[in-house]
Amino acid sequence: GCSENYGDSVKDRFTISRYNAKNTVYLQLNSLKHEKTDVYYCNTRW
């Protein structure tokens, strides 16, 4: 139903959205901090 939830560390910086017609989910990452390397994955929430 497009209700969004965020972890405390990314709240106000990241935005998740979905486009069902394309079976695609996006994650906009803004104000990336800390020099580090992470790997991002998507999957079902549960």
ModelCIF file with pLDDT and N, C-alpha, C, O atoms, coordinates in Angstrom:
data_MODEL
#
_entry.id   MODEL 
#
_entity.id                         1 
_entity.type                       polymer 
_entity.pdbx_number_of_molecules   1 
#
_entity_poly.entity_id                      1 
_entity_poly.type                           'polypeptide(L)' 
_entity_poly.nstd_linkage                   no 
_entity_poly.nstd_monomer                   no 
_entity_poly.pdbx_seq_one_letter_code       GCSENYGDSVKDRFTISRYNAKNTVYLQLNSLKHEKTDVYYCNTRW 
_entity_poly.pdbx_seq_one_letter_code_can   GCSENYGDSVKDRFTISRYNAKNTVYLQLNSLKHEKTDVYYCNTRW 
_entity_poly.pdbx_strand_id                 A 
#
loop_
_entity_poly_seq.entity_id 
_entity_poly_seq.num 
_entity_poly_seq.mon_id 
_entity_poly_seq.hetero 
1 1  GLY n 
1 2  CYS n 
1 3  SER n 
1 4  GLU n 
1 5  ASN n 
1 6  TYR n 
1 7  GLY n 
1 8  ASP n 
1 9  SER n 
1 10 VAL n 
1 11 LYS n 
1 12 ASP n 
1 13 ARG n 
1 14 PHE n 
1 15 THR n 
1 16 ILE n 
1 17 SER n 
1 18 ARG n 
1 19 TYR n 
1 20 ASN n 
1 21 ALA n 
1 22 LYS n 
1 23 ASN n 
1 24 THR n 
1 25 VAL n 
1 26 TYR n 
1 27 LEU n 
1 28 GLN n 
1 29 LEU n 
1 30 ASN n 
1 31 SER n 
1 32 LEU n 
1 33 LYS n 
1 34 HIS n 
1 35 GLU n 
1 36 LYS n 
1 37 THR n 
1 38 ASP n 
1 39 VAL n 
1 40 TYR n 
1 41 TYR n 
1 42 CYS n 
1 43 ASN n 
1 44 THR n 
1 45 ARG n 
1 46 TRP n 
#
_struct_asym.id          A 
_struct_asym.entity_id   1 
#
loop_
_ma_qa_metric.id 
_ma_qa_metric.mode 
_ma_qa_metric.name 
_ma_qa_metric.software_group_id 
_ma_qa_metric.type 
1 global pLDDT . pLDDT 
2 local  pLDDT . pLDDT 
#
_ma_qa_metric_global.metric_id      1 
_ma_qa_metric_global.metric_value   95.78 
_ma_qa_metric_global.model_id       1 
_ma_qa_metric_global.ordinal_id     1 
#
loop_
_ma_qa_metric_local.label_asym_id 
_ma_qa_metric_local.label_comp_id 
_ma_qa_metric_local.label_seq_id 
_ma_qa_metric_local.metric_id 
_ma_qa_metric_local.metric_value 
_ma_qa_metric_local.model_id 
_ma_qa_metric_local.ordinal_id 
A GLY 1  2 95.00 1 1  
A CYS 2  2 95.00 1 2  
A SER 3  2 97.00 1 3  
A GLU 4  2 98.00 1 4  
A ASN 5  2 98.00 1 5  
A TYR 6  2 98.00 1 6  
A GLY 7  2 96.00 1 7  
A ASP 8  2 96.00 1 8  
A SER 9  2 92.00 1 9  
A VAL 10 2 95.00 1 10 
A LYS 11 2 94.00 1 11 
A ASP 12 2 94.00 1 12 
A ARG 13 2 97.00 1 13 
A PHE 14 2 98.00 1 14 
A THR 15 2 98.00 1 15 
A ILE 16 2 98.00 1 16 
A SER 17 2 98.00 1 17 
A ARG 18 2 98.00 1 18 
A TYR 19 2 97.00 1 19 
A ASN 20 2 97.00 1 20 
A ALA 21 2 97.00 1 21 
A LYS 22 2 97.00 1 22 
A ASN 23 2 97.00 1 23 
A THR 24 2 98.00 1 24 
A VAL 25 2 98.00 1 25 
A TYR 26 2 98.00 1 26 
A LEU 27 2 98.00 1 27 
A GLN 28 2 98.00 1 28 
A LEU 29 2 98.00 1 29 
A ASN 30 2 97.00 1 30 
A SER 31 2 96.00 1 31 
A LEU 32 2 95.00 1 32 
A LYS 33 2 86.00 1 33 
A HIS 34 2 83.00 1 34 
A GLU 35 2 88.00 1 35 
A LYS 36 2 90.00 1 36 
A THR 37 2 94.00 1 37 
A ASP 38 2 95.00 1 38 
A VAL 39 2 97.00 1 39 
A TYR 40 2 98.00 1 40 
A TYR 41 2 98.00 1 41 
A CYS 42 2 98.00 1 42 
A ASN 43 2 97.00 1 43 
A THR 44 2 96.00 1 44 
A ARG 45 2 96.00 1 45 
A TRP 46 2 94.00 1 46 
#
loop_
_atom_site.group_PDB 
_atom_site.id 
_atom_site.type_symbol 
_atom_site.label_atom_id 
_atom_site.label_alt_id 
_atom_site.label_comp_id 
_atom_site.label_asym_id 
_atom_site.label_entity_id 
_atom_site.label_seq_id 
_atom_site.pdbx_PDB_ins_code 
_atom_site.Cartn_x 
_atom_site.Cartn_y 
_atom_site.Cartn_z 
_atom_site.occupancy 
_atom_site.B_iso_or_equiv 
_atom_site.pdbx_formal_charge 
_atom_site.auth_seq_id 
_atom_site.auth_comp_id 
_atom_site.auth_asym_id 
_atom_site.auth_atom_id 
_atom_site.pdbx_PDB_model_num 
ATOM 1   N N  . GLY A 1 1  ? 0.798  -1.223  0.000   1.00 95.00 ? 1  GLY A N  1 
ATOM 2   C CA . GLY A 1 1  ? 0.000  0.000   0.000   1.00 95.00 ? 1  GLY A CA 1 
ATOM 3   C C  . GLY A 1 1  ? 0.824  1.264   0.000   1.00 95.00 ? 1  GLY A C  1 
ATOM 4   O O  . GLY A 1 1  ? 0.303  2.356   0.225   1.00 95.00 ? 1  GLY A O  1 
ATOM 5   N N  . CYS A 1 2  ? 2.148  1.114   -0.259  1.00 95.00 ? 2  CYS A N  1 
ATOM 6   C CA . CYS A 1 2  ? 3.086  2.239   -0.353  1.00 95.00 ? 2  CYS A CA 1 
ATOM 7   C C  . CYS A 1 2  ? 3.367  2.925   0.975   1.00 95.00 ? 2  CYS A C  1 
ATOM 8   O O  . CYS A 1 2  ? 3.760  4.092   0.993   1.00 95.00 ? 2  CYS A O  1 
ATOM 9   N N  . SER A 1 3  ? 3.176  2.234   2.069   1.00 97.00 ? 3  SER A N  1 
ATOM 10  C CA . SER A 1 3  ? 3.586  2.768   3.364   1.00 97.00 ? 3  SER A CA 1 
ATOM 11  C C  . SER A 1 3  ? 5.087  2.521   3.524   1.00 97.00 ? 3  SER A C  1 
ATOM 12  O O  . SER A 1 3  ? 5.568  1.405   3.329   1.00 97.00 ? 3  SER A O  1 
ATOM 13  N N  . GLU A 1 4  ? 5.817  3.580   3.882   1.00 98.00 ? 4  GLU A N  1 
ATOM 14  C CA . GLU A 1 4  ? 7.270  3.501   3.940   1.00 98.00 ? 4  GLU A CA 1 
ATOM 15  C C  . GLU A 1 4  ? 7.758  3.437   5.384   1.00 98.00 ? 4  GLU A C  1 
ATOM 16  O O  . GLU A 1 4  ? 7.183  4.057   6.278   1.00 98.00 ? 4  GLU A O  1 
ATOM 17  N N  . ASN A 1 5  ? 8.821  2.681   5.591   1.00 98.00 ? 5  ASN A N  1 
ATOM 18  C CA . ASN A 1 5  ? 9.477  2.636   6.893   1.00 98.00 ? 5  ASN A CA 1 
ATOM 19  C C  . ASN A 1 5  ? 10.983 2.708   6.698   1.00 98.00 ? 5  ASN A C  1 
ATOM 20  O O  . ASN A 1 5  ? 11.527 2.164   5.737   1.00 98.00 ? 5  ASN A O  1 
ATOM 21  N N  . TYR A 1 6  ? 11.646 3.388   7.625   1.00 98.00 ? 6  TYR A N  1 
ATOM 22  C CA . TYR A 1 6  ? 13.086 3.591   7.507   1.00 98.00 ? 6  TYR A CA 1 
ATOM 23  C C  . TYR A 1 6  ? 13.780 3.297   8.829   1.00 98.00 ? 6  TYR A C  1 
ATOM 24  O O  . TYR A 1 6  ? 13.220 3.484   9.910   1.00 98.00 ? 6  TYR A O  1 
ATOM 25  N N  . GLY A 1 7  ? 15.008 2.836   8.706   1.00 96.00 ? 7  GLY A N  1 
ATOM 26  C CA . GLY A 1 7  ? 15.835 2.701   9.892   1.00 96.00 ? 7  GLY A CA 1 
ATOM 27  C C  . GLY A 1 7  ? 16.253 4.086   10.370  1.00 96.00 ? 7  GLY A C  1 
ATOM 28  O O  . GLY A 1 7  ? 16.299 5.039   9.592   1.00 96.00 ? 7  GLY A O  1 
ATOM 29  N N  . ASP A 1 8  ? 16.553 4.178   11.643  1.00 96.00 ? 8  ASP A N  1 
ATOM 30  C CA . ASP A 1 8  ? 16.900 5.475   12.224  1.00 96.00 ? 8  ASP A CA 1 
ATOM 31  C C  . ASP A 1 8  ? 18.120 6.102   11.552  1.00 96.00 ? 8  ASP A C  1 
ATOM 32  O O  . ASP A 1 8  ? 18.201 7.324   11.428  1.00 96.00 ? 8  ASP A O  1 
ATOM 33  N N  . SER A 1 9  ? 19.054 5.281   11.125  1.00 92.00 ? 9  SER A N  1 
ATOM 34  C CA . SER A 1 9  ? 20.300 5.817   10.569  1.00 92.00 ? 9  SER A CA 1 
ATOM 35  C C  . SER A 1 9  ? 20.119 6.435   9.190   1.00 92.00 ? 9  SER A C  1 
ATOM 36  O O  . SER A 1 9  ? 20.983 7.182   8.731   1.00 92.00 ? 9  SER A O  1 
ATOM 37  N N  . VAL A 1 10 ? 19.011 6.136   8.523   1.00 95.00 ? 10 VAL A N  1 
ATOM 38  C CA . VAL A 1 10 ? 18.835 6.646   7.158   1.00 95.00 ? 10 VAL A CA 1 
ATOM 39  C C  . VAL A 1 10 ? 17.610 7.541   7.022   1.00 95.00 ? 10 VAL A C  1 
ATOM 40  O O  . VAL A 1 10 ? 17.360 8.114   5.962   1.00 95.00 ? 10 VAL A O  1 
ATOM 41  N N  . LYS A 1 11 ? 16.862 7.651   8.092   1.00 94.00 ? 11 LYS A N  1 
ATOM 42  C CA . LYS A 1 11 ? 15.646 8.470   8.043   1.00 94.00 ? 11 LYS A CA 1 
ATOM 43  C C  . LYS A 1 11 ? 16.016 9.888   7.610   1.00 94.00 ? 11 LYS A C  1 
ATOM 44  O O  . LYS A 1 11 ? 17.031 10.419  8.062   1.00 94.00 ? 11 LYS A O  1 
ATOM 45  N N  . ASP A 1 12 ? 15.231 10.497  6.763   1.00 94.00 ? 12 ASP A N  1 
ATOM 46  C CA . ASP A 1 12 ? 15.433 11.863  6.248   1.00 94.00 ? 12 ASP A CA 1 
ATOM 47  C C  . ASP A 1 12 ? 16.544 11.956  5.208   1.00 94.00 ? 12 ASP A C  1 
ATOM 48  O O  . ASP A 1 12 ? 16.799 13.035  4.673   1.00 94.00 ? 12 ASP A O  1 
ATOM 49  N N  . ARG A 1 13 ? 17.210 10.837  4.915   1.00 97.00 ? 13 ARG A N  1 
ATOM 50  C CA . ARG A 1 13 ? 18.246 10.872  3.884   1.00 97.00 ? 13 ARG A CA 1 
ATOM 51  C C  . ARG A 1 13 ? 17.924 9.938   2.726   1.00 97.00 ? 13 ARG A C  1 
ATOM 52  O O  . ARG A 1 13 ? 18.265 10.228  1.579   1.00 97.00 ? 13 ARG A O  1 
ATOM 53  N N  . PHE A 1 14 ? 17.271 8.823   3.018   1.00 98.00 ? 14 PHE A N  1 
ATOM 54  C CA . PHE A 1 14 ? 16.946 7.842   1.985   1.00 98.00 ? 14 PHE A CA 1 
ATOM 55  C C  . PHE A 1 14 ? 15.441 7.860   1.722   1.00 98.00 ? 14 PHE A C  1 
ATOM 56  O O  . PHE A 1 14 ? 14.643 8.142   2.616   1.00 98.00 ? 14 PHE A O  1 
ATOM 57  N N  . THR A 1 15 ? 15.071 7.554   0.481   1.00 98.00 ? 15 THR A N  1 
ATOM 58  C CA . THR A 1 15 ? 13.657 7.449   0.121   1.00 98.00 ? 15 THR A CA 1 
ATOM 59  C C  . THR A 1 15 ? 13.432 6.196   -0.698  1.00 98.00 ? 15 THR A C  1 
ATOM 60  O O  . THR A 1 15 ? 14.103 5.971   -1.706  1.00 98.00 ? 15 THR A O  1 
ATOM 61  N N  . ILE A 1 16 ? 12.489 5.384   -0.263  1.00 98.00 ? 16 ILE A N  1 
ATOM 62  C CA . ILE A 1 16 ? 12.145 4.162   -0.989  1.00 98.00 ? 16 ILE A CA 1 
ATOM 63  C C  . ILE A 1 16 ? 10.855 4.411   -1.769  1.00 98.00 ? 16 ILE A C  1 
ATOM 64  O O  . ILE A 1 16 ? 9.959  5.112   -1.298  1.00 98.00 ? 16 ILE A O  1 
ATOM 65  N N  . SER A 1 17 ? 10.775 3.834   -2.953  1.00 98.00 ? 17 SER A N  1 
ATOM 66  C CA . SER A 1 17 ? 9.557  3.964   -3.754  1.00 98.00 ? 17 SER A CA 1 
ATOM 67  C C  . SER A 1 17 ? 9.398  2.706   -4.591  1.00 98.00 ? 17 SER A C  1 
ATOM 68  O O  . SER A 1 17 ? 10.335 1.923   -4.747  1.00 98.00 ? 17 SER A O  1 
ATOM 69  N N  . ARG A 1 18 ? 8.205  2.524   -5.124  1.00 98.00 ? 18 ARG A N  1 
ATOM 70  C CA . ARG A 1 18 ? 7.950  1.334   -5.914  1.00 98.00 ? 18 ARG A CA 1 
ATOM 71  C C  . ARG A 1 18 ? 7.163  1.678   -7.168  1.00 98.00 ? 18 ARG A C  1 
ATOM 72  O O  . ARG A 1 18 ? 6.379  2.626   -7.187  1.00 98.00 ? 18 ARG A O  1 
ATOM 73  N N  . TYR A 1 19 ? 7.383  0.905   -8.196  1.00 97.00 ? 19 TYR A N  1 
ATOM 74  C CA . TYR A 1 19 ? 6.678  1.066   -9.466  1.00 97.00 ? 19 TYR A CA 1 
ATOM 75  C C  . TYR A 1 19 ? 6.198  -0.332  -9.853  1.00 97.00 ? 19 TYR A C  1 
ATOM 76  O O  . TYR A 1 19 ? 6.903  -1.075  -10.536 1.00 97.00 ? 19 TYR A O  1 
ATOM 77  N N  . ASN A 1 20 ? 5.001  -0.675  -9.414  1.00 97.00 ? 20 ASN A N  1 
ATOM 78  C CA . ASN A 1 20 ? 4.507  -2.034  -9.579  1.00 97.00 ? 20 ASN A CA 1 
ATOM 79  C C  . ASN A 1 20 ? 4.439  -2.474  -11.042 1.00 97.00 ? 20 ASN A C  1 
ATOM 80  O O  . ASN A 1 20 ? 4.714  -3.633  -11.353 1.00 97.00 ? 20 ASN A O  1 
ATOM 81  N N  . ALA A 1 21 ? 4.084  -1.578  -11.922 1.00 97.00 ? 21 ALA A N  1 
ATOM 82  C CA . ALA A 1 21 ? 3.935  -1.940  -13.336 1.00 97.00 ? 21 ALA A CA 1 
ATOM 83  C C  . ALA A 1 21 ? 5.248  -2.450  -13.925 1.00 97.00 ? 21 ALA A C  1 
ATOM 84  O O  . ALA A 1 21 ? 5.254  -3.221  -14.885 1.00 97.00 ? 21 ALA A O  1 
ATOM 85  N N  . LYS A 1 22 ? 6.363  -2.005  -13.333 1.00 97.00 ? 22 LYS A N  1 
ATOM 86  C CA . LYS A 1 22 ? 7.677  -2.463  -13.810 1.00 97.00 ? 22 LYS A CA 1 
ATOM 87  C C  . LYS A 1 22 ? 8.322  -3.439  -12.834 1.00 97.00 ? 22 LYS A C  1 
ATOM 88  O O  . LYS A 1 22 ? 9.479  -3.820  -13.009 1.00 97.00 ? 22 LYS A O  1 
ATOM 89  N N  . ASN A 1 23 ? 7.578  -3.844  -11.806 1.00 97.00 ? 23 ASN A N  1 
ATOM 90  C CA . ASN A 1 23 ? 8.123  -4.745  -10.776 1.00 97.00 ? 23 ASN A CA 1 
ATOM 91  C C  . ASN A 1 23 ? 9.474  -4.237  -10.267 1.00 97.00 ? 23 ASN A C  1 
ATOM 92  O O  . ASN A 1 23 ? 10.431 -4.998  -10.121 1.00 97.00 ? 23 ASN A O  1 
ATOM 93  N N  . THR A 1 24 ? 9.522  -2.960  -10.010 1.00 98.00 ? 24 THR A N  1 
ATOM 94  C CA . THR A 1 24 ? 10.780 -2.328  -9.618  1.00 98.00 ? 24 THR A CA 1 
ATOM 95  C C  . THR A 1 24 ? 10.591 -1.512  -8.346  1.00 98.00 ? 24 THR A C  1 
ATOM 96  O O  . THR A 1 24 ? 9.573  -0.846  -8.155  1.00 98.00 ? 24 THR A O  1 
ATOM 97  N N  . VAL A 1 25 ? 11.589 -1.582  -7.492  1.00 98.00 ? 25 VAL A N  1 
ATOM 98  C CA . VAL A 1 25 ? 11.626 -0.786  -6.268  1.00 98.00 ? 25 VAL A CA 1 
ATOM 99  C C  . VAL A 1 25 ? 12.908 0.031   -6.293  1.00 98.00 ? 25 VAL A C  1 
ATOM 100 O O  . VAL A 1 25 ? 13.969 -0.468  -6.669  1.00 98.00 ? 25 VAL A O  1 
ATOM 101 N N  . TYR A 1 26 ? 12.801 1.275   -5.895  1.00 98.00 ? 26 TYR A N  1 
ATOM 102 C CA . TYR A 1 26 ? 13.941 2.186   -5.927  1.00 98.00 ? 26 TYR A CA 1 
ATOM 103 C C  . TYR A 1 26 ? 14.345 2.588   -4.516  1.00 98.00 ? 26 TYR A C  1 
ATOM 104 O O  . TYR A 1 26 ? 13.541 2.551   -3.585  1.00 98.00 ? 26 TYR A O  1 
ATOM 105 N N  . LEU A 1 27 ? 15.591 2.968   -4.382  1.00 98.00 ? 27 LEU A N  1 
ATOM 106 C CA . LEU A 1 27 ? 16.070 3.563   -3.134  1.00 98.00 ? 27 LEU A CA 1 
ATOM 107 C C  . LEU A 1 27 ? 16.939 4.752   -3.495  1.00 98.00 ? 27 LEU A C  1 
ATOM 108 O O  . LEU A 1 27 ? 18.019 4.601   -4.066  1.00 98.00 ? 27 LEU A O  1 
ATOM 109 N N  . GLN A 1 28 ? 16.453 5.938   -3.153  1.00 98.00 ? 28 GLN A N  1 
ATOM 110 C CA . GLN A 1 28 ? 17.216 7.157   -3.354  1.00 98.00 ? 28 GLN A CA 1 
ATOM 111 C C  . GLN A 1 28 ? 18.070 7.398   -2.118  1.00 98.00 ? 28 GLN A C  1 
ATOM 112 O O  . GLN A 1 28 ? 17.559 7.519   -1.004  1.00 98.00 ? 28 GLN A O  1 
ATOM 113 N N  . LEU A 1 29 ? 19.358 7.465   -2.332  1.00 98.00 ? 29 LEU A N  1 
ATOM 114 C CA . LEU A 1 29 ? 20.299 7.685   -1.236  1.00 98.00 ? 29 LEU A CA 1 
ATOM 115 C C  . LEU A 1 29 ? 20.836 9.111   -1.346  1.00 98.00 ? 29 LEU A C  1 
ATOM 116 O O  . LEU A 1 29 ? 21.478 9.454   -2.339  1.00 98.00 ? 29 LEU A O  1 
ATOM 117 N N  . ASN A 1 30 ? 20.587 9.924   -0.358  1.00 97.00 ? 30 ASN A N  1 
ATOM 118 C CA . ASN A 1 30 ? 21.083 11.299  -0.323  1.00 97.00 ? 30 ASN A CA 1 
ATOM 119 C C  . ASN A 1 30 ? 21.972 11.493  0.891   1.00 97.00 ? 30 ASN A C  1 
ATOM 120 O O  . ASN A 1 30 ? 21.903 10.739  1.861   1.00 97.00 ? 30 ASN A O  1 
ATOM 121 N N  . SER A 1 31 ? 22.814 12.526  0.820   1.00 96.00 ? 31 SER A N  1 
ATOM 122 C CA . SER A 1 31 ? 23.679 12.888  1.949   1.00 96.00 ? 31 SER A CA 1 
ATOM 123 C C  . SER A 1 31 ? 24.443 11.680  2.473   1.00 96.00 ? 31 SER A C  1 
ATOM 124 O O  . SER A 1 31 ? 24.471 11.424  3.677   1.00 96.00 ? 31 SER A O  1 
ATOM 125 N N  . LEU A 1 32 ? 25.051 10.954  1.571   1.00 95.00 ? 32 LEU A N  1 
ATOM 126 C CA . LEU A 1 32 ? 25.809 9.778   1.987   1.00 95.00 ? 32 LEU A CA 1 
ATOM 127 C C  . LEU A 1 32 ? 27.005 10.234  2.822   1.00 95.00 ? 32 LEU A C  1 
ATOM 128 O O  . LEU A 1 32 ? 27.770 11.117  2.433   1.00 95.00 ? 32 LEU A O  1 
ATOM 129 N N  . LYS A 1 33 ? 27.132 9.590   3.990   1.00 86.00 ? 33 LYS A N  1 
ATOM 130 C CA . LYS A 1 33 ? 28.155 10.034  4.934   1.00 86.00 ? 33 LYS A CA 1 
ATOM 131 C C  . LYS A 1 33 ? 29.316 9.050   4.916   1.00 86.00 ? 33 LYS A C  1 
ATOM 132 O O  . LYS A 1 33 ? 29.416 8.243   3.992   1.00 86.00 ? 33 LYS A O  1 
ATOM 133 N N  . HIS A 1 34 ? 30.151 9.094   5.862   1.00 83.00 ? 34 HIS A N  1 
ATOM 134 C CA . HIS A 1 34 ? 31.153 8.112   6.223   1.00 83.00 ? 34 HIS A CA 1 
ATOM 135 C C  . HIS A 1 34 ? 31.788 7.399   5.056   1.00 83.00 ? 34 HIS A C  1 
ATOM 136 O O  . HIS A 1 34 ? 31.113 6.724   4.280   1.00 83.00 ? 34 HIS A O  1 
ATOM 137 N N  . GLU A 1 35 ? 33.030 7.546   4.943   1.00 88.00 ? 35 GLU A N  1 
ATOM 138 C CA . GLU A 1 35 ? 33.765 6.859   3.887   1.00 88.00 ? 35 GLU A CA 1 
ATOM 139 C C  . GLU A 1 35 ? 33.763 5.365   4.188   1.00 88.00 ? 35 GLU A C  1 
ATOM 140 O O  . GLU A 1 35 ? 34.440 4.896   5.103   1.00 88.00 ? 35 GLU A O  1 
ATOM 141 N N  . LYS A 1 36 ? 32.999 4.640   3.409   1.00 90.00 ? 36 LYS A N  1 
ATOM 142 C CA . LYS A 1 36 ? 32.871 3.207   3.604   1.00 90.00 ? 36 LYS A CA 1 
ATOM 143 C C  . LYS A 1 36 ? 32.275 2.608   2.348   1.00 90.00 ? 36 LYS A C  1 
ATOM 144 O O  . LYS A 1 36 ? 31.832 3.322   1.449   1.00 90.00 ? 36 LYS A O  1 
ATOM 145 N N  . THR A 1 37 ? 32.270 1.282   2.298   1.00 94.00 ? 37 THR A N  1 
ATOM 146 C CA . THR A 1 37 ? 31.674 0.555   1.177   1.00 94.00 ? 37 THR A CA 1 
ATOM 147 C C  . THR A 1 37 ? 30.658 -0.426  1.722   1.00 94.00 ? 37 THR A C  1 
ATOM 148 O O  . THR A 1 37 ? 30.965 -1.252  2.582   1.00 94.00 ? 37 THR A O  1 
ATOM 149 N N  . ASP A 1 38 ? 29.457 -0.325  1.215   1.00 95.00 ? 38 ASP A N  1 
ATOM 150 C CA . ASP A 1 38 ? 28.384 -1.226  1.599   1.00 95.00 ? 38 ASP A CA 1 
ATOM 151 C C  . ASP A 1 38 ? 27.820 -1.889  0.353   1.00 95.00 ? 38 ASP A C  1 
ATOM 152 O O  . ASP A 1 38 ? 27.947 -1.366  -0.754  1.00 95.00 ? 38 ASP A O  1 
ATOM 153 N N  . VAL A 1 39 ? 27.210 -3.021  0.541   1.00 97.00 ? 39 VAL A N  1 
ATOM 154 C CA . VAL A 1 39 ? 26.473 -3.671  -0.537  1.00 97.00 ? 39 VAL A CA 1 
ATOM 155 C C  . VAL A 1 39 ? 24.991 -3.618  -0.190  1.00 97.00 ? 39 VAL A C  1 
ATOM 156 O O  . VAL A 1 39 ? 24.579 -4.000  0.905   1.00 97.00 ? 39 VAL A O  1 
ATOM 157 N N  . TYR A 1 40 ? 24.206 -3.142  -1.137  1.00 98.00 ? 40 TYR A N  1 
ATOM 158 C CA . TYR A 1 40 ? 22.766 -3.028  -0.933  1.00 98.00 ? 40 TYR A CA 1 
ATOM 159 C C  . TYR A 1 40 ? 22.035 -4.134  -1.686  1.00 98.00 ? 40 TYR A C  1 
ATOM 160 O O  . TYR A 1 40 ? 22.328 -4.432  -2.844  1.00 98.00 ? 40 TYR A O  1 
ATOM 161 N N  . TYR A 1 41 ? 21.090 -4.721  -0.997  1.00 98.00 ? 41 TYR A N  1 
ATOM 162 C CA . TYR A 1 41 ? 20.274 -5.794  -1.556  1.00 98.00 ? 41 TYR A CA 1 
ATOM 163 C C  . TYR A 1 41 ? 18.795 -5.439  -1.393  1.00 98.00 ? 41 TYR A C  1 
ATOM 164 O O  . TYR A 1 41 ? 18.418 -4.671  -0.508  1.00 98.00 ? 41 TYR A O  1 
ATOM 165 N N  . CYS A 1 42 ? 17.993 -6.000  -2.242  1.00 98.00 ? 42 CYS A N  1 
ATOM 166 C CA . CYS A 1 42 ? 16.554 -5.919  -1.999  1.00 98.00 ? 42 CYS A CA 1 
ATOM 167 C C  . CYS A 1 42 ? 16.014 -7.337  -1.862  1.00 98.00 ? 42 CYS A C  1 
ATOM 168 O O  . CYS A 1 42 ? 16.595 -8.301  -2.360  1.00 98.00 ? 42 CYS A O  1 
ATOM 169 N N  . ASN A 1 43 ? 14.908 -7.429  -1.185  1.00 97.00 ? 43 ASN A N  1 
ATOM 170 C CA . ASN A 1 43 ? 14.261 -8.723  -0.966  1.00 97.00 ? 43 ASN A CA 1 
ATOM 171 C C  . ASN A 1 43 ? 12.884 -8.441  -0.395  1.00 97.00 ? 43 ASN A C  1 
ATOM 172 O O  . ASN A 1 43 ? 12.532 -7.287  -0.153  1.00 97.00 ? 43 ASN A O  1 
ATOM 173 N N  . THR A 1 44 ? 12.120 -9.472  -0.182  1.00 96.00 ? 44 THR A N  1 
ATOM 174 C CA . THR A 1 44 ? 10.842 -9.294  0.488   1.00 96.00 ? 44 THR A CA 1 
ATOM 175 C C  . THR A 1 44 ? 11.094 -8.753  1.895   1.00 96.00 ? 44 THR A C  1 
ATOM 176 O O  . THR A 1 44 ? 12.139 -9.023  2.486   1.00 96.00 ? 44 THR A O  1 
ATOM 177 N N  . ARG A 1 45 ? 10.161 -8.007  2.419   1.00 96.00 ? 45 ARG A N  1 
ATOM 178 C CA . ARG A 1 45 ? 10.314 -7.459  3.768   1.00 96.00 ? 45 ARG A CA 1 
ATOM 179 C C  . ARG A 1 45 ? 10.235 -8.575  4.801   1.00 96.00 ? 45 ARG A C  1 
ATOM 180 O O  . ARG A 1 45 ? 10.938 -8.537  5.811   1.00 96.00 ? 45 ARG A O  1 
ATOM 181 N N  . TRP A 1 46 ? 9.407  -9.542  4.562   1.00 94.00 ? 46 TRP A N  1 
ATOM 182 C CA . TRP A 1 46 ? 9.244  -10.674 5.479   1.00 94.00 ? 46 TRP A CA 1 
ATOM 183 C C  . TRP A 1 46 ? 9.573  -11.965 4.725   1.00 94.00 ? 46 TRP A C  1 
ATOM 184 O O  . TRP A 1 46 ? 9.504  -13.051 5.301   1.00 94.00 ? 46 TRP A O  1 
#
